[in-house]
Amino acid sequence: MTRLTIIAAASLLLAGCASFSPDGGFGKVSQLTQERTGQGVALQRSPEDAQTAQNRVAELLQAALTADAAVEVALLNNRGLQAKFGDLGIAESELVRAGRLKNPSLSFGRMSGGGGVEIERTVLFDILGLLTMPMAKEVGQQRFEQAQYQAAYDAVSLAADVRRAYFDAVAAQELAKFYEQVKETADVSNELAKRMLQAGNFNKLAQMREQAFYADATAQLARAQHQAAAQREKLIRLLGLYGEQLNFRLPQRLPELPKQVLEPQNAEQTAMNKRLDVQMAKRAAEATAKSLHLTNATRMVNVLDVAYKNKSESGAPRANGYEIELELPLFDFGSTRAARAQATYMQAVNRTAEVAVNARSEVREAYSAYRTAYDLAQHYRDEVVPLRKRISEENLLRYNGMLIGVFELLADAREQVAGVTGYVQALRDFWVAETNLQTALTARSPAAGSVSQPAAAAGSATAPGH
């Protein structure tokens, strides 16, 4: 009886030690996210938390949105992200539960007959749960840390998706404006060709070429305007905006190309140390290993319960005693559970190795895309756009000297716009590639996020031949 009392007291003590953390584990989640995005995250647990977030979002939307501001808005305002954060609370509740003994069972029986009454009382304690509690808590802790990394992974993934969508939206808006210029030029050219044909100063074939270009420019503008609207709506969904928030402003153009290109040192090792998917795979394997040890410890004993019992009958002194319930391994000696745990562990190990190999390859590929995009954008900025400008200036001089006609001048203007739109597309590709490189280094596979959709080529609305 004394031993059972000690066990019960120890059980109550252990159960009292397991409690929830003040921040629900979000301190580490915010730190991991801050290191990779420059922005922290927080779980909005109350209406006050939600209102504080909304106030900050309103403040950020007052000015033209930058890429960093867009990320902050999404981390504050995306309800899907807040829903995913609920998984961390579930994991913490499981951890706390692993540190608490299963509630004891109480049974009471009363039988009467023949003038006598028999009463039986039983209190049942889960002794196996008490013995394996330290190991179960280790497994729960591993899974809780895994949930923390998953929450940070979700936040960083959202940040990467937002940056890509932001650059796509700004570029699409800028391209739509350039295609408006092409359309305006086509309007002038088409109208002038019609008048000259009526005056007998233009042949029918040349006029139809101008009309065809006008038709192409009209269709191209419609596609560009829809692309701008679609990319803006995609950004809106990621930011979680609605109502009056939809009136936010984007800048007129993309950020300029940086003066220096990134040269990551030990990029592959950085990915091994910082990528969240790699760290998650490692911790999954570790948690599986802990589970394997727990399975080995209990493979021969599945259920072990200890009960304190007393029994009383009418006219007889109360009888006290105890009862032990033990499942006998007559048909299943635990080999199937051990084999399953071993196979699950090797599965986790191989998946971790696959993630590591893929991460190294993705870093190399992302850096190649980044350098290529930088070189192309630089080429457009330093070679193509200035050359188009010089050609336009020369043609203007030739037009003023009556060496070329108005249609040649208009055609050159269209070619200059095509060169500028090519630079905008190249600049957008660079910023998307830069986002993918940072994601590959510290967060996840860039392929796990959305891929930038290229806008229609500017060359599809080039000048007609004469």
Protein backbone atom coordinates (compact mmCIF):
# COMPACT_ATOMS: atom_id res chain seq x y z
CA MET A 1 0.00 0.00 0.00
CA THR A 2 2.86 2.35 0.84
CA ARG A 3 4.47 1.74 -2.56
CA LEU A 4 1.25 2.52 -4.36
CA THR A 5 0.95 5.76 -2.40
CA ILE A 6 4.49 6.72 -3.41
CA ILE A 7 3.76 5.91 -7.06
CA ALA A 8 0.60 8.00 -6.98
CA ALA A 9 2.43 10.92 -5.37
CA ALA A 10 5.24 10.71 -7.94
CA SER A 11 2.68 10.60 -10.73
CA LEU A 12 0.99 13.75 -9.48
CA LEU A 13 4.37 15.48 -9.17
CA LEU A 14 5.40 14.60 -12.72
CA ALA A 15 2.04 15.62 -14.11
CA GLY A 16 2.32 18.99 -12.40
CA CYS A 17 5.72 19.66 -13.99
CA ALA A 18 4.38 19.52 -17.56
CA SER A 19 2.93 22.87 -18.62
CA PHE A 20 2.54 25.13 -21.66
CA SER A 21 5.21 27.68 -22.60
CA PRO A 22 4.34 31.40 -22.31
CA ASP A 23 4.77 32.11 -26.04
CA GLY A 24 3.66 28.74 -27.39
CA GLY A 25 7.10 28.17 -28.92
CA PHE A 26 6.78 31.17 -31.24
CA GLY A 27 9.96 32.82 -30.03
CA LYS A 28 12.06 30.33 -31.98
CA VAL A 29 9.73 30.48 -34.99
CA SER A 30 10.05 34.24 -35.13
CA GLN A 31 13.84 34.04 -34.78
CA LEU A 32 14.18 31.51 -37.61
CA THR A 33 11.94 33.63 -39.83
CA GLN A 34 13.74 36.86 -38.92
CA GLU A 35 17.11 35.38 -39.85
CA ARG A 36 15.86 34.44 -43.30
CA THR A 37 13.44 37.21 -44.26
CA GLY A 38 14.30 40.15 -42.04
CA GLN A 39 10.78 39.99 -40.58
CA GLY A 40 9.52 38.22 -37.49
CA VAL A 41 6.16 36.54 -37.04
CA ALA A 42 3.66 36.24 -34.22
CA LEU A 43 0.57 34.20 -33.52
CA GLN A 44 -2.53 36.37 -33.27
CA ARG A 45 -4.26 34.81 -30.28
CA SER A 46 -6.70 37.55 -29.36
CA PRO A 47 -8.77 40.31 -30.99
CA GLU A 48 -6.24 42.78 -29.62
CA ASP A 49 -3.40 40.98 -31.43
CA ALA A 50 -5.41 40.98 -34.66
CA GLN A 51 -6.21 44.69 -34.33
CA THR A 52 -2.56 45.55 -33.74
CA ALA A 53 -1.65 43.64 -36.89
CA GLN A 54 -4.35 45.41 -38.90
CA ASN A 55 -3.12 48.80 -37.72
CA ARG A 56 0.38 47.98 -38.89
CA VAL A 57 -0.92 46.74 -42.25
CA ALA A 58 -2.86 49.98 -42.75
CA GLU A 59 0.28 51.96 -41.99
CA LEU A 60 2.34 49.98 -44.52
CA LEU A 61 -0.29 50.39 -47.25
CA GLN A 62 -0.30 54.17 -47.05
CA ALA A 63 2.89 54.48 -49.11
CA ALA A 64 3.84 52.80 -52.37
CA LEU A 65 4.52 49.18 -51.47
CA THR A 66 8.10 47.92 -51.43
CA ALA A 67 9.14 44.27 -51.55
CA ASP A 68 10.08 44.25 -47.86
CA ALA A 69 6.82 45.96 -46.90
CA ALA A 70 4.87 43.42 -48.94
CA VAL A 71 6.53 40.59 -47.01
CA GLU A 72 5.68 42.24 -43.69
CA VAL A 73 2.06 42.72 -44.74
CA ALA A 74 1.76 39.07 -45.73
CA LEU A 75 3.27 37.78 -42.48
CA LEU A 76 0.80 39.93 -40.56
CA ASN A 77 -2.28 39.54 -42.72
CA ASN A 78 -2.27 36.16 -44.47
CA ARG A 79 -4.94 34.11 -42.70
CA GLY A 80 -3.76 30.85 -44.23
CA LEU A 81 -0.41 31.32 -42.50
CA GLN A 82 -2.12 31.94 -39.18
CA ALA A 83 -4.12 28.75 -39.72
CA LYS A 84 -0.91 26.77 -40.30
CA PHE A 85 0.50 28.18 -37.08
CA GLY A 86 -2.22 26.23 -35.30
CA ASP A 87 -0.19 23.07 -35.92
CA LEU A 88 2.42 24.38 -33.48
CA GLY A 89 -0.18 24.69 -30.74
CA ILE A 90 -1.30 21.14 -31.43
CA ALA A 91 2.30 19.90 -31.20
CA GLU A 92 2.81 21.71 -27.89
CA SER A 93 -0.36 20.19 -26.47
CA GLU A 94 0.95 16.75 -27.43
CA LEU A 95 4.27 17.53 -25.73
CA VAL A 96 2.53 18.59 -22.53
CA ARG A 97 0.34 15.51 -22.67
CA ALA A 98 3.45 13.31 -23.01
CA GLY A 99 4.70 14.78 -19.72
CA ARG A 100 1.54 13.95 -17.85
CA LEU A 101 0.48 10.55 -16.61
CA LYS A 102 -2.72 9.12 -18.00
CA ASN A 103 -5.65 9.81 -15.71
CA PRO A 104 -6.30 6.94 -13.26
CA SER A 105 -9.41 4.86 -13.65
CA LEU A 106 -11.88 4.37 -10.83
CA SER A 107 -14.36 1.54 -10.71
CA PHE A 108 -17.04 0.91 -8.13
CA GLY A 109 -19.24 -2.14 -7.81
CA ARG A 110 -22.07 -2.99 -5.43
CA MET A 111 -23.87 -6.28 -5.15
CA SER A 112 -26.61 -7.20 -2.67
CA GLY A 113 -28.60 -10.30 -1.97
CA GLY A 114 -29.48 -12.67 0.80
CA GLY A 115 -29.39 -9.87 3.30
CA GLY A 116 -25.76 -9.02 2.47
CA VAL A 117 -24.13 -6.21 0.49
CA GLU A 118 -20.78 -6.56 -1.31
CA ILE A 119 -18.95 -3.40 -2.44
CA GLU A 120 -15.80 -3.45 -4.60
CA ARG A 121 -13.64 -0.39 -5.32
CA THR A 122 -10.67 -0.18 -7.72
CA VAL A 123 -8.26 2.64 -8.63
CA LEU A 124 -6.15 1.81 -11.72
CA PHE A 125 -2.84 3.58 -12.53
CA ASP A 126 -0.92 3.44 -15.84
CA ILE A 127 2.49 2.30 -14.56
CA LEU A 128 3.94 1.69 -18.02
CA GLY A 129 3.16 5.28 -18.97
CA LEU A 130 4.99 6.44 -15.86
CA LEU A 131 8.06 4.31 -16.61
CA THR A 132 8.27 5.43 -20.25
CA MET A 133 7.36 9.06 -19.61
CA PRO A 134 10.93 10.46 -19.94
CA MET A 135 11.38 8.77 -23.31
CA ALA A 136 7.92 9.83 -24.46
CA LYS A 137 8.72 13.42 -23.50
CA GLU A 138 11.89 13.29 -25.59
CA VAL A 139 9.88 12.13 -28.58
CA GLY A 140 7.29 14.84 -27.93
CA GLN A 141 10.04 17.46 -27.68
CA GLN A 142 11.48 16.35 -31.01
CA ARG A 143 8.09 16.63 -32.65
CA PHE A 144 7.48 20.02 -31.09
CA GLU A 145 10.79 21.30 -32.47
CA GLN A 146 9.82 19.83 -35.83
CA ALA A 147 6.58 21.79 -35.67
CA GLN A 148 8.55 24.97 -34.89
CA TYR A 149 10.68 24.46 -37.99
CA GLN A 150 7.57 23.72 -40.03
CA ALA A 151 5.95 26.96 -38.88
CA ALA A 152 9.09 28.91 -39.82
CA TYR A 153 9.21 27.04 -43.12
CA ASP A 154 5.63 28.08 -43.89
CA ALA A 155 6.39 31.71 -43.04
CA VAL A 156 9.60 31.86 -45.09
CA SER A 157 7.87 30.11 -47.99
CA LEU A 158 5.13 32.72 -47.95
CA ALA A 159 7.73 35.50 -47.89
CA ALA A 160 9.47 34.04 -50.96
CA ASP A 161 6.17 33.67 -52.82
CA VAL A 162 5.27 37.27 -51.97
CA ARG A 163 8.57 38.64 -53.26
CA ARG A 164 8.19 36.78 -56.54
CA ALA A 165 4.59 37.91 -56.93
CA TYR A 166 5.58 41.47 -56.06
CA PHE A 167 8.24 41.69 -58.77
CA ASP A 168 5.90 40.05 -61.28
CA ALA A 169 3.14 42.54 -60.46
CA VAL A 170 5.38 45.61 -60.71
CA ALA A 171 6.90 44.39 -63.98
CA ALA A 172 3.49 43.56 -65.47
CA GLN A 173 2.21 47.02 -64.54
CA GLU A 174 5.25 48.66 -66.11
CA LEU A 175 5.02 46.56 -69.28
CA ALA A 176 1.34 47.42 -69.69
CA LYS A 177 2.28 51.09 -69.78
CA PHE A 178 4.89 50.49 -72.46
CA TYR A 179 2.39 48.55 -74.56
CA GLU A 180 0.06 51.53 -74.28
CA GLN A 181 2.79 53.56 -75.95
CA VAL A 182 3.09 50.96 -78.69
CA LYS A 183 -0.68 51.11 -79.18
CA GLU A 184 -0.63 54.90 -79.38
CA THR A 185 2.11 54.75 -82.01
CA ALA A 186 0.13 52.14 -83.94
CA ASP A 187 -2.97 54.37 -83.81
CA VAL A 188 -1.08 57.27 -85.34
CA SER A 189 0.59 55.09 -87.96
CA ASN A 190 -2.65 53.37 -88.97
CA GLU A 191 -4.61 56.61 -89.26
CA LEU A 192 -1.87 58.29 -91.25
CA ALA A 193 -1.65 55.32 -93.62
CA LYS A 194 -5.40 55.46 -94.26
CA ARG A 195 -5.29 59.15 -95.12
CA MET A 196 -2.29 58.77 -97.39
CA LEU A 197 -3.98 55.87 -99.18
CA GLN A 198 -7.07 58.03 -99.76
CA ALA A 199 -4.85 60.82 -101.10
CA GLY A 200 -3.14 58.41 -103.47
CA ASN A 201 0.28 58.79 -101.79
CA PHE A 202 0.43 55.26 -100.30
CA ASN A 203 0.00 51.81 -101.80
CA LYS A 204 -2.57 49.33 -100.50
CA LEU A 205 -0.04 46.74 -99.33
CA ALA A 206 1.88 49.21 -97.14
CA GLN A 207 -1.40 50.46 -95.67
CA MET A 208 -2.48 46.91 -94.79
CA ARG A 209 0.84 46.29 -93.08
CA GLU A 210 0.26 49.31 -90.86
CA GLN A 211 -3.28 48.14 -90.18
CA ALA A 212 -2.03 44.65 -89.27
CA PHE A 213 0.46 46.13 -86.85
CA TYR A 214 -2.32 48.20 -85.30
CA ALA A 215 -4.41 45.05 -84.84
CA ASP A 216 -1.47 43.22 -83.23
CA ALA A 217 -0.71 46.15 -80.93
CA THR A 218 -4.35 46.29 -79.80
CA ALA A 219 -4.37 42.57 -78.93
CA GLN A 220 -0.95 42.86 -77.25
CA LEU A 221 -2.16 45.71 -75.05
CA ALA A 222 -5.25 43.74 -73.99
CA ARG A 223 -3.07 40.77 -72.98
CA ALA A 224 -0.63 43.02 -71.12
CA GLN A 225 -3.42 44.74 -69.21
CA HIS A 226 -4.92 41.40 -68.19
CA GLN A 227 -1.48 40.15 -67.14
CA ALA A 228 -1.04 43.22 -64.96
CA ALA A 229 -4.45 42.66 -63.37
CA ALA A 230 -3.80 38.94 -62.85
CA GLN A 231 -0.39 39.49 -61.24
CA ARG A 232 -1.82 42.16 -58.97
CA GLU A 233 -4.62 39.84 -57.88
CA LYS A 234 -2.12 37.08 -57.18
CA LEU A 235 -0.20 39.47 -54.94
CA ILE A 236 -3.45 40.52 -53.27
CA ARG A 237 -4.25 36.92 -52.37
CA LEU A 238 -0.84 36.38 -50.81
CA LEU A 239 -1.11 39.61 -48.84
CA GLY A 240 -4.62 38.71 -47.66
CA LEU A 241 -6.06 42.08 -48.65
CA TYR A 242 -9.71 42.99 -49.16
CA GLY A 243 -12.08 45.97 -49.12
CA GLU A 244 -10.39 49.36 -48.96
CA GLN A 245 -7.01 47.66 -48.69
CA LEU A 246 -7.22 46.85 -52.41
CA ASN A 247 -6.36 50.47 -53.22
CA PHE A 248 -2.70 49.99 -52.35
CA ARG A 249 -0.12 51.42 -54.72
CA LEU A 250 2.81 49.73 -56.41
CA PRO A 251 5.89 51.68 -57.51
CA GLN A 252 6.09 52.82 -61.13
CA ARG A 253 9.09 50.64 -61.88
CA LEU A 254 11.22 47.81 -60.57
CA PRO A 255 14.25 48.45 -58.33
CA GLU A 256 17.43 49.16 -60.25
CA LEU A 257 20.03 46.47 -60.80
CA PRO A 258 22.47 46.34 -57.85
CA LYS A 259 26.01 47.55 -58.52
CA GLN A 260 27.62 44.34 -57.33
CA VAL A 261 26.62 40.75 -57.82
CA LEU A 262 26.37 38.36 -54.87
CA GLU A 263 29.23 35.93 -54.40
CA PRO A 264 28.10 33.44 -51.72
CA GLN A 265 30.95 31.74 -49.89
CA ASN A 266 30.59 28.02 -49.17
CA ALA A 267 27.09 28.14 -50.59
CA GLU A 268 26.47 24.39 -50.36
CA GLN A 269 27.56 24.25 -46.72
CA THR A 270 25.39 27.27 -45.97
CA ALA A 271 22.43 25.38 -47.37
CA MET A 272 23.26 22.35 -45.21
CA ASN A 273 23.42 24.54 -42.10
CA LYS A 274 20.51 26.92 -42.70
CA ARG A 275 17.97 25.43 -45.09
CA LEU A 276 14.82 24.72 -43.18
CA ASP A 277 13.84 21.69 -45.23
CA VAL A 278 17.24 20.11 -44.52
CA GLN A 279 16.94 20.84 -40.81
CA MET A 280 13.39 19.48 -40.77
CA ALA A 281 14.50 16.27 -42.48
CA LYS A 282 17.30 15.82 -39.94
CA ARG A 283 14.96 16.32 -37.01
CA ALA A 284 12.41 13.96 -38.51
CA ALA A 285 15.05 11.26 -38.63
CA GLU A 286 16.07 12.02 -35.04
CA ALA A 287 12.46 11.87 -33.87
CA THR A 288 12.00 8.56 -35.65
CA ALA A 289 15.11 7.24 -33.92
CA LYS A 290 13.67 8.25 -30.56
CA SER A 291 10.46 6.47 -31.43
CA LEU A 292 12.47 3.37 -32.34
CA HIS A 293 14.12 3.35 -28.92
CA LEU A 294 10.72 3.70 -27.30
CA THR A 295 9.38 0.80 -29.33
CA ASN A 296 12.31 -1.38 -28.34
CA ALA A 297 11.74 -0.56 -24.68
CA THR A 298 8.09 -1.60 -24.74
CA ARG A 299 8.08 -4.32 -27.39
CA MET A 300 7.54 -7.09 -24.83
CA VAL A 301 5.06 -5.22 -22.63
CA ASN A 302 2.18 -3.48 -24.32
CA VAL A 303 -0.09 -2.84 -21.34
CA LEU A 304 1.01 -2.70 -17.73
CA ASP A 305 -1.49 -1.25 -15.26
CA VAL A 306 -1.41 -1.38 -11.47
CA ALA A 307 -4.61 -1.06 -9.45
CA TYR A 308 -5.37 -0.59 -5.78
CA LYS A 309 -8.46 -2.53 -4.74
CA ASN A 310 -10.53 -2.98 -1.66
CA LYS A 311 -13.58 -5.07 -1.07
CA SER A 312 -16.15 -5.00 1.67
CA GLU A 313 -19.07 -7.27 2.49
CA SER A 314 -21.86 -6.90 4.97
CA GLY A 315 -20.89 -8.32 8.33
CA ALA A 316 -17.26 -8.89 7.27
CA PRO A 317 -14.11 -6.78 7.64
CA ARG A 318 -12.96 -4.87 4.50
CA ALA A 319 -10.36 -6.69 2.41
CA ASN A 320 -7.54 -4.69 0.74
CA GLY A 321 -5.19 -5.69 -2.06
CA TYR A 322 -3.94 -4.84 -5.53
CA GLU A 323 -4.30 -6.02 -9.10
CA ILE A 324 -1.81 -6.08 -11.97
CA GLU A 325 -2.95 -6.25 -15.58
CA LEU A 326 -0.34 -7.48 -18.05
CA GLU A 327 -0.75 -8.40 -21.68
CA LEU A 328 1.02 -11.72 -22.33
CA PRO A 329 3.09 -11.87 -25.56
CA LEU A 330 1.85 -15.30 -26.62
CA PHE A 331 1.14 -14.59 -30.31
CA ASP A 332 2.94 -11.31 -31.05
CA PHE A 333 6.33 -10.86 -29.38
CA GLY A 334 6.67 -7.26 -30.65
CA SER A 335 8.83 -8.20 -33.63
CA THR A 336 6.36 -6.66 -36.09
CA ARG A 337 6.36 -3.30 -34.32
CA ALA A 338 10.14 -3.30 -34.06
CA ALA A 339 10.50 -4.13 -37.75
CA ARG A 340 8.07 -1.37 -38.66
CA ALA A 341 9.98 1.15 -36.55
CA GLN A 342 13.29 0.12 -38.11
CA ALA A 343 11.90 0.44 -41.63
CA THR A 344 10.38 3.84 -40.79
CA TYR A 345 13.73 5.04 -39.44
CA MET A 346 15.67 3.95 -42.55
CA GLN A 347 13.01 5.64 -44.66
CA ALA A 348 13.58 8.90 -42.77
CA VAL A 349 17.37 8.58 -43.13
CA ASN A 350 17.18 8.07 -46.89
CA ARG A 351 14.77 10.96 -47.28
CA THR A 352 17.15 13.19 -45.36
CA ALA A 353 19.99 12.20 -47.67
CA GLU A 354 17.81 12.94 -50.70
CA VAL A 355 16.90 16.38 -49.39
CA ALA A 356 20.58 17.17 -48.76
CA VAL A 357 21.68 16.07 -52.24
CA ASN A 358 18.86 18.03 -53.88
CA ALA A 359 19.63 21.11 -51.78
CA ARG A 360 23.24 21.20 -52.94
CA SER A 361 22.18 20.87 -56.56
CA GLU A 362 19.46 23.51 -56.23
CA VAL A 363 21.92 26.03 -54.77
CA ARG A 364 24.24 25.56 -57.74
CA GLU A 365 21.37 25.86 -60.21
CA ALA A 366 19.90 28.90 -58.46
CA TYR A 367 23.26 30.69 -58.49
CA SER A 368 23.70 29.95 -62.20
CA ALA A 369 20.24 31.39 -62.90
CA TYR A 370 21.04 34.41 -60.73
CA ARG A 371 24.31 35.21 -62.53
CA THR A 372 22.74 34.67 -65.94
CA ALA A 373 19.81 36.95 -65.09
CA TYR A 374 22.19 39.61 -63.74
CA ASP A 375 24.38 39.51 -66.86
CA LEU A 376 21.36 39.70 -69.17
CA ALA A 377 19.81 42.61 -67.30
CA GLN A 378 23.16 44.38 -67.28
CA HIS A 379 23.50 43.74 -71.03
CA TYR A 380 20.10 45.29 -71.71
CA ARG A 381 20.84 48.25 -69.44
CA ASP A 382 24.34 49.01 -70.75
CA GLU A 383 24.11 47.89 -74.38
CA VAL A 384 20.64 47.38 -75.83
CA VAL A 385 18.73 50.33 -74.33
CA PRO A 386 21.49 52.93 -74.97
CA LEU A 387 21.95 51.61 -78.52
CA ARG A 388 18.22 51.89 -79.21
CA LYS A 389 18.28 55.41 -77.87
CA ARG A 390 21.19 56.44 -80.09
CA ILE A 391 19.48 54.90 -83.14
CA SER A 392 16.32 56.83 -82.32
CA GLU A 393 18.23 60.08 -82.01
CA GLU A 394 19.98 59.44 -85.34
CA ASN A 395 16.70 58.65 -87.09
CA LEU A 396 15.17 61.84 -85.70
CA LEU A 397 18.04 63.80 -87.24
CA ARG A 398 17.53 61.98 -90.54
CA TYR A 399 13.80 62.74 -90.41
CA ASN A 400 14.46 66.41 -89.74
CA GLY A 401 16.80 66.35 -92.77
CA MET A 402 14.00 64.75 -94.81
CA LEU A 403 16.14 61.65 -95.41
CA ILE A 404 13.50 59.27 -94.01
CA GLY A 405 9.72 59.45 -93.78
CA VAL A 406 7.35 59.52 -90.88
CA PHE A 407 6.64 55.78 -91.05
CA GLU A 408 10.33 54.95 -90.62
CA LEU A 409 10.42 57.27 -87.61
CA LEU A 410 7.36 55.63 -86.08
CA ALA A 411 8.80 52.18 -86.70
CA ASP A 412 11.99 53.19 -84.90
CA ALA A 413 9.96 54.44 -81.94
CA ARG A 414 8.30 51.05 -81.70
CA GLU A 415 11.68 49.31 -81.78
CA GLN A 416 12.93 51.52 -78.95
CA VAL A 417 9.92 50.60 -76.80
CA ALA A 418 10.59 46.92 -77.56
CA GLY A 419 14.15 47.32 -76.26
CA VAL A 420 12.93 48.94 -73.04
CA THR A 421 10.33 46.24 -72.43
CA GLY A 422 13.05 43.64 -72.91
CA TYR A 423 15.07 45.33 -70.16
CA VAL A 424 12.04 45.37 -67.83
CA GLN A 425 11.55 41.64 -68.36
CA ALA A 426 15.24 40.95 -67.77
CA LEU A 427 15.24 43.08 -64.62
CA ARG A 428 12.18 41.25 -63.32
CA ASP A 429 13.85 37.90 -64.02
CA PHE A 430 16.89 39.03 -62.06
CA TRP A 431 14.93 39.95 -58.93
CA VAL A 432 13.00 36.69 -59.11
CA ALA A 433 16.30 34.80 -59.52
CA GLU A 434 17.76 36.68 -56.55
CA THR A 435 14.75 35.62 -54.46
CA ASN A 436 15.16 32.02 -55.60
CA LEU A 437 18.85 32.06 -54.68
CA GLN A 438 18.17 33.32 -51.16
CA THR A 439 15.41 30.73 -50.82
CA ALA A 440 17.70 27.94 -51.98
CA LEU A 441 20.40 29.01 -49.52
CA THR A 442 18.33 29.34 -46.36
CA ALA A 443 14.79 28.04 -46.73
CA ARG A 444 13.67 25.41 -49.21
CA SER A 445 13.65 24.27 -52.80
CA PRO A 446 12.85 27.23 -55.08
CA ALA A 447 10.77 24.83 -57.17
CA ALA A 448 8.37 24.49 -54.23
CA GLY A 449 7.18 28.05 -54.82
CA SER A 450 5.44 29.74 -57.67
CA VAL A 451 7.38 30.30 -60.87
CA SER A 452 7.45 33.66 -62.59
CA GLN A 453 5.29 33.66 -65.68
CA PRO A 454 7.03 35.50 -68.53
CA ALA A 455 5.11 38.26 -70.18
CA ALA A 456 4.44 38.13 -73.88
CA ALA A 457 7.51 39.04 -75.88
CA ALA A 458 7.72 42.63 -76.98
CA GLY A 459 8.94 41.49 -80.34
CA SER A 460 5.47 40.27 -81.25
CA ALA A 461 4.52 43.87 -81.92
CA THR A 462 7.45 44.92 -84.02
CA ALA A 463 7.21 47.28 -86.92
CA PRO A 464 6.03 45.99 -90.25
CA GLY A 465 8.37 45.90 -93.14
CA HIS A 466 8.22 48.39 -95.98
